[in-house]
Amino acid sequence: MSDMLEKGREILSQQSFSLLLGTKLQAFEAGSAELSLEIRDDLKQNNGFAHGGVVSYLADNCITFAGASVLAKTA
């Protein structure tokens, strides 16, 4: 496992909402992040699809990880 992925997982483990959802950081490198989570029944809307809030959370957190991975190098 890369140092970057290990550090990313450490950061994710400090996010209580991410822990609540059961999020896992699958890949993390400069400019890129991949998060996953099991779509359980309690994360679905009434028609059985993943709730939009869950989908937007994944997109938002991926963007945050990916952006921070390159912005931190210039700061």
Protein backbone atom coordinates (compact mmCIF):
# COMPACT_ATOMS: atom_id res chain seq x y z
CA MET A 1 0.00 0.00 0.00
CA SER A 2 1.30 3.44 -0.89
CA ASP A 3 2.07 6.01 1.79
CA MET A 4 -0.50 8.32 0.21
CA LEU A 5 -3.27 5.71 0.36
CA GLU A 6 -2.38 4.89 3.96
CA LYS A 7 -2.48 8.59 4.93
CA GLY A 8 -5.78 9.05 3.09
CA ARG A 9 -7.31 6.12 4.96
CA GLU A 10 -6.10 7.62 8.23
CA ILE A 11 -7.81 10.91 7.35
CA LEU A 12 -11.02 9.13 6.30
CA SER A 13 -11.07 7.24 9.61
CA GLN A 14 -11.35 10.60 11.40
CA GLN A 15 -14.55 11.56 9.54
CA SER A 16 -17.47 10.44 11.68
CA PHE A 17 -20.00 10.73 8.84
CA SER A 18 -17.80 8.62 6.57
CA LEU A 19 -17.54 6.01 9.30
CA LEU A 20 -21.31 6.05 9.78
CA LEU A 21 -21.79 5.33 6.07
CA GLY A 22 -19.07 2.66 6.01
CA THR A 23 -16.99 4.46 3.38
CA LYS A 24 -13.73 2.91 2.18
CA LEU A 25 -10.91 4.67 0.35
CA GLN A 26 -10.02 2.24 -2.45
CA ALA A 27 -7.42 4.30 -4.32
CA PHE A 28 -5.64 7.59 -3.69
CA GLU A 29 -2.91 9.25 -5.71
CA ALA A 30 -2.07 12.75 -6.86
CA GLY A 31 -5.21 14.22 -8.40
CA SER A 32 -7.31 11.09 -7.99
CA ALA A 33 -9.36 9.35 -5.31
CA GLU A 34 -11.79 6.44 -5.34
CA LEU A 35 -14.27 5.93 -2.51
CA SER A 36 -16.78 3.12 -2.13
CA LEU A 37 -19.51 2.07 0.22
CA GLU A 38 -22.10 -0.67 0.38
CA ILE A 39 -25.54 0.62 -0.59
CA ARG A 40 -27.52 -0.79 2.32
CA ASP A 41 -31.29 -0.53 2.58
CA ASP A 42 -30.99 2.41 4.98
CA LEU A 43 -29.07 4.35 2.31
CA LYS A 44 -31.74 3.91 -0.35
CA GLN A 45 -34.66 6.16 -1.21
CA ASN A 46 -38.24 4.87 -1.40
CA ASN A 47 -37.83 3.46 -4.94
CA GLY A 48 -34.84 1.35 -3.92
CA PHE A 49 -32.09 3.45 -5.51
CA ALA A 50 -29.13 4.97 -3.69
CA HIS A 51 -30.25 8.21 -2.05
CA GLY A 52 -29.01 11.32 -3.85
CA GLY A 53 -27.41 12.54 -0.64
CA VAL A 54 -25.23 9.43 -0.54
CA VAL A 55 -24.20 9.83 -4.17
CA SER A 56 -23.42 13.53 -3.70
CA TYR A 57 -21.45 12.77 -0.51
CA LEU A 58 -19.25 10.32 -2.47
CA ALA A 59 -18.67 12.85 -5.25
CA ASP A 60 -17.94 15.66 -2.78
CA ASN A 61 -15.51 13.63 -0.71
CA CYS A 62 -13.71 12.28 -3.80
CA ILE A 63 -13.26 15.83 -5.09
CA THR A 64 -12.00 16.93 -1.69
CA PHE A 65 -9.41 14.14 -1.48
CA ALA A 66 -8.30 14.56 -5.10
CA GLY A 67 -8.03 18.35 -4.81
CA ALA A 68 -6.19 18.24 -1.50
CA SER A 69 -3.71 15.76 -2.92
CA VAL A 70 -2.43 18.33 -5.41
CA LEU A 71 -3.12 21.57 -3.57
CA ALA A 72 -1.11 20.48 -0.56
CA LYS A 73 1.98 20.26 -2.77
CA THR A 74 1.75 23.93 -3.74
CA ALA A 75 0.93 25.31 -0.30
